[in-house]
Amino acid sequence: MGGYQTNDGRTTAWQRVVRSAKLNTLDRADLQVLSEYGVHTILDFRTNKELLSAPDRVPGGAKDYHTPILAVDDTRSSASREELRDDLSEPGYGHRQMVRNVS
């Protein structure tokens, strides 16, 4: 990622930020690629629950910082299929979630 204009009119450098997901699924070859690319800092914005259920695999020498954006996963992105099935079977659940997350 890169090329974004900053508030002071400058531009962020290209290839300085890598957007990813599911670092828990990386294998040795993936870790090597990230290490060779120069990844040295990982910012994990997931909730504590998400982190505990799927801890990051980190390239050698990189530092992994857990800085959750939400205290609780209000988006329900970490909910299990069973939890979502229960939620969605409740009449009006979807509407209440949309209203709650907008206000």
C-alpha atoms as a PDB file:
ATOM      1  CA  MET A   1       0.000   0.000   0.000  1.00  0.00           C
ATOM      2  CA  GLY A   2       1.051   3.581  -0.363  1.00  0.00           C
ATOM      3  CA  GLY A   3       0.518   6.783  -2.264  1.00  0.00           C
ATOM      4  CA  TYR A   4      -2.037   8.201   0.166  1.00  0.00           C
ATOM      5  CA  GLN A   5      -2.083  11.955   0.636  1.00  0.00           C
ATOM      6  CA  THR A   6      -1.502  13.079   4.214  1.00  0.00           C
ATOM      7  CA  ASN A   7      -3.151  16.031   5.967  1.00  0.00           C
ATOM      8  CA  ASP A   8      -0.063  18.158   5.411  1.00  0.00           C
ATOM      9  CA  GLY A   9      -0.033  17.528   1.639  1.00  0.00           C
ATOM     10  CA  ARG A  10       2.734  14.932   1.527  1.00  0.00           C
ATOM     11  CA  THR A  11       2.268  11.381   0.225  1.00  0.00           C
ATOM     12  CA  THR A  12       2.884   8.097   2.038  1.00  0.00           C
ATOM     13  CA  ALA A  13       5.633   5.939   0.568  1.00  0.00           C
ATOM     14  CA  TRP A  14       4.753   2.914  -1.549  1.00  0.00           C
ATOM     15  CA  GLN A  15       5.410  -0.607  -0.237  1.00  0.00           C
ATOM     16  CA  ARG A  16       5.787   0.525   3.376  1.00  0.00           C
ATOM     17  CA  VAL A  17       2.513  -0.981   4.621  1.00  0.00           C
ATOM     18  CA  VAL A  18       1.228  -4.455   3.868  1.00  0.00           C
ATOM     19  CA  ARG A  19      -2.450  -5.193   4.575  1.00  0.00           C
ATOM     20  CA  SER A  20      -3.121  -8.763   5.581  1.00  0.00           C
ATOM     21  CA  ALA A  21      -5.411 -11.134   7.418  1.00  0.00           C
ATOM     22  CA  LYS A  22      -5.222 -14.567   9.005  1.00  0.00           C
ATOM     23  CA  LEU A  23      -1.555 -14.508   9.934  1.00  0.00           C
ATOM     24  CA  ASN A  24      -2.303 -17.634  11.962  1.00  0.00           C
ATOM     25  CA  THR A  25      -2.415 -19.635   8.695  1.00  0.00           C
ATOM     26  CA  LEU A  26       1.047 -18.679   7.445  1.00  0.00           C
ATOM     27  CA  ASP A  27       3.444 -21.525   6.719  1.00  0.00           C
ATOM     28  CA  ARG A  28       7.260 -21.387   6.741  1.00  0.00           C
ATOM     29  CA  ALA A  29       7.452 -20.272   3.118  1.00  0.00           C
ATOM     30  CA  ASP A  30       4.966 -17.437   3.777  1.00  0.00           C
ATOM     31  CA  LEU A  31       6.942 -16.295   6.818  1.00  0.00           C
ATOM     32  CA  GLN A  32      10.132 -16.309   4.745  1.00  0.00           C
ATOM     33  CA  VAL A  33       8.523 -14.173   2.023  1.00  0.00           C
ATOM     34  CA  LEU A  34       7.362 -11.608   4.577  1.00  0.00           C
ATOM     35  CA  SER A  35      10.770 -11.584   6.232  1.00  0.00           C
ATOM     36  CA  GLU A  36      12.541 -11.044   2.901  1.00  0.00           C
ATOM     37  CA  TYR A  37      10.052  -8.290   2.021  1.00  0.00           C
ATOM     38  CA  GLY A  38      11.187  -6.506   5.154  1.00  0.00           C
ATOM     39  CA  VAL A  39       8.144  -6.847   7.402  1.00  0.00           C
ATOM     40  CA  HIS A  40       9.362  -5.871  10.855  1.00  0.00           C
ATOM     41  CA  THR A  41       6.250  -4.634  12.662  1.00  0.00           C
ATOM     42  CA  ILE A  42       2.792  -6.178  12.893  1.00  0.00           C
ATOM     43  CA  LEU A  43      -0.170  -4.226  14.224  1.00  0.00           C
ATOM     44  CA  ASP A  44      -2.976  -6.594  15.182  1.00  0.00           C
ATOM     45  CA  PHE A  45      -6.244  -4.654  15.560  1.00  0.00           C
ATOM     46  CA  ARG A  46      -8.397  -7.674  16.430  1.00  0.00           C
ATOM     47  CA  THR A  47     -10.242  -8.131  19.711  1.00  0.00           C
ATOM     48  CA  ASN A  48      -8.766 -10.197  22.542  1.00  0.00           C
ATOM     49  CA  LYS A  49     -11.164 -13.035  21.704  1.00  0.00           C
ATOM     50  CA  GLU A  50     -10.058 -13.087  18.062  1.00  0.00           C
ATOM     51  CA  LEU A  51      -6.384 -13.031  19.051  1.00  0.00           C
ATOM     52  CA  LEU A  52      -6.776 -15.889  21.516  1.00  0.00           C
ATOM     53  CA  SER A  53      -8.658 -18.044  19.024  1.00  0.00           C
ATOM     54  CA  ALA A  54      -6.128 -17.530  16.199  1.00  0.00           C
ATOM     55  CA  PRO A  55      -2.740 -16.145  17.326  1.00  0.00           C
ATOM     56  CA  ASP A  56      -0.504 -14.563  14.677  1.00  0.00           C
ATOM     57  CA  ARG A  57       2.478 -16.384  13.209  1.00  0.00           C
ATOM     58  CA  VAL A  58       5.184 -13.736  12.974  1.00  0.00           C
ATOM     59  CA  PRO A  59       8.181 -13.544  10.617  1.00  0.00           C
ATOM     60  CA  GLY A  60      11.549 -13.853  12.339  1.00  0.00           C
ATOM     61  CA  GLY A  61      12.719 -10.607  13.876  1.00  0.00           C
ATOM     62  CA  ALA A  62       9.342  -8.896  13.557  1.00  0.00           C
ATOM     63  CA  LYS A  63       7.562  -7.365  16.537  1.00  0.00           C
ATOM     64  CA  ASP A  64       3.863  -8.118  16.974  1.00  0.00           C
ATOM     65  CA  TYR A  65       1.761  -5.437  18.686  1.00  0.00           C
ATOM     66  CA  HIS A  66      -1.787  -6.189  19.752  1.00  0.00           C
ATOM     67  CA  THR A  67      -3.715  -2.909  19.611  1.00  0.00           C
ATOM     68  CA  PRO A  68      -7.426  -3.810  19.506  1.00  0.00           C
ATOM     69  CA  ILE A  69      -9.667  -1.201  17.932  1.00  0.00           C
ATOM     70  CA  LEU A  70     -12.752  -2.550  19.728  1.00  0.00           C
ATOM     71  CA  ALA A  71     -12.913  -3.842  23.289  1.00  0.00           C
ATOM     72  CA  VAL A  72     -15.644  -6.233  22.169  1.00  0.00           C
ATOM     73  CA  ASP A  73     -16.303  -7.465  18.651  1.00  0.00           C
ATOM     74  CA  ASP A  74     -19.527  -5.556  17.944  1.00  0.00           C
ATOM     75  CA  THR A  75     -19.214  -6.545  14.287  1.00  0.00           C
ATOM     76  CA  ARG A  76     -19.591 -10.213  15.254  1.00  0.00           C
ATOM     77  CA  SER A  77     -16.801 -11.092  12.791  1.00  0.00           C
ATOM     78  CA  SER A  78     -15.353 -13.524  15.317  1.00  0.00           C
ATOM     79  CA  ALA A  79     -18.675 -15.230  16.093  1.00  0.00           C
ATOM     80  CA  SER A  80     -18.908 -18.924  15.392  1.00  0.00           C
ATOM     81  CA  ARG A  81     -21.356 -20.260  12.818  1.00  0.00           C
ATOM     82  CA  GLU A  82     -23.526 -21.557  15.643  1.00  0.00           C
ATOM     83  CA  GLU A  83     -23.594 -18.148  17.351  1.00  0.00           C
ATOM     84  CA  LEU A  84     -24.489 -16.418  14.092  1.00  0.00           C
ATOM     85  CA  ARG A  85     -27.175 -18.993  13.327  1.00  0.00           C
ATOM     86  CA  ASP A  86     -28.717 -18.392  16.765  1.00  0.00           C
ATOM     87  CA  ASP A  87     -28.543 -14.604  16.325  1.00  0.00           C
ATOM     88  CA  LEU A  88     -29.984 -14.599  12.820  1.00  0.00           C
ATOM     89  CA  SER A  89     -32.847 -16.916  13.754  1.00  0.00           C
ATOM     90  CA  GLU A  90     -34.079 -14.289  16.231  1.00  0.00           C
ATOM     91  CA  PRO A  91     -36.777 -12.131  14.555  1.00  0.00           C
ATOM     92  CA  GLY A  92     -35.569  -8.573  13.929  1.00  0.00           C
ATOM     93  CA  TYR A  93     -31.935  -9.274  14.874  1.00  0.00           C
ATOM     94  CA  GLY A  94     -30.442  -7.921  11.632  1.00  0.00           C
ATOM     95  CA  HIS A  95     -32.405  -4.694  11.822  1.00  0.00           C
ATOM     96  CA  ARG A  96     -31.431  -4.122  15.484  1.00  0.00           C
ATOM     97  CA  GLN A  97     -27.751  -4.709  14.684  1.00  0.00           C
ATOM     98  CA  MET A  98     -27.781  -2.197  11.824  1.00  0.00           C
ATOM     99  CA  VAL A  99     -29.530   0.439  13.927  1.00  0.00           C
ATOM    100  CA  ARG A 100     -27.217  -0.160  16.895  1.00  0.00           C
ATOM    101  CA  ASN A 101     -24.020   0.049  14.826  1.00  0.00           C
ATOM    102  CA  VAL A 102     -25.115   3.249  13.067  1.00  0.00           C
ATOM    103  CA  SER A 103     -26.149   5.212  16.137  1.00  0.00           C
END
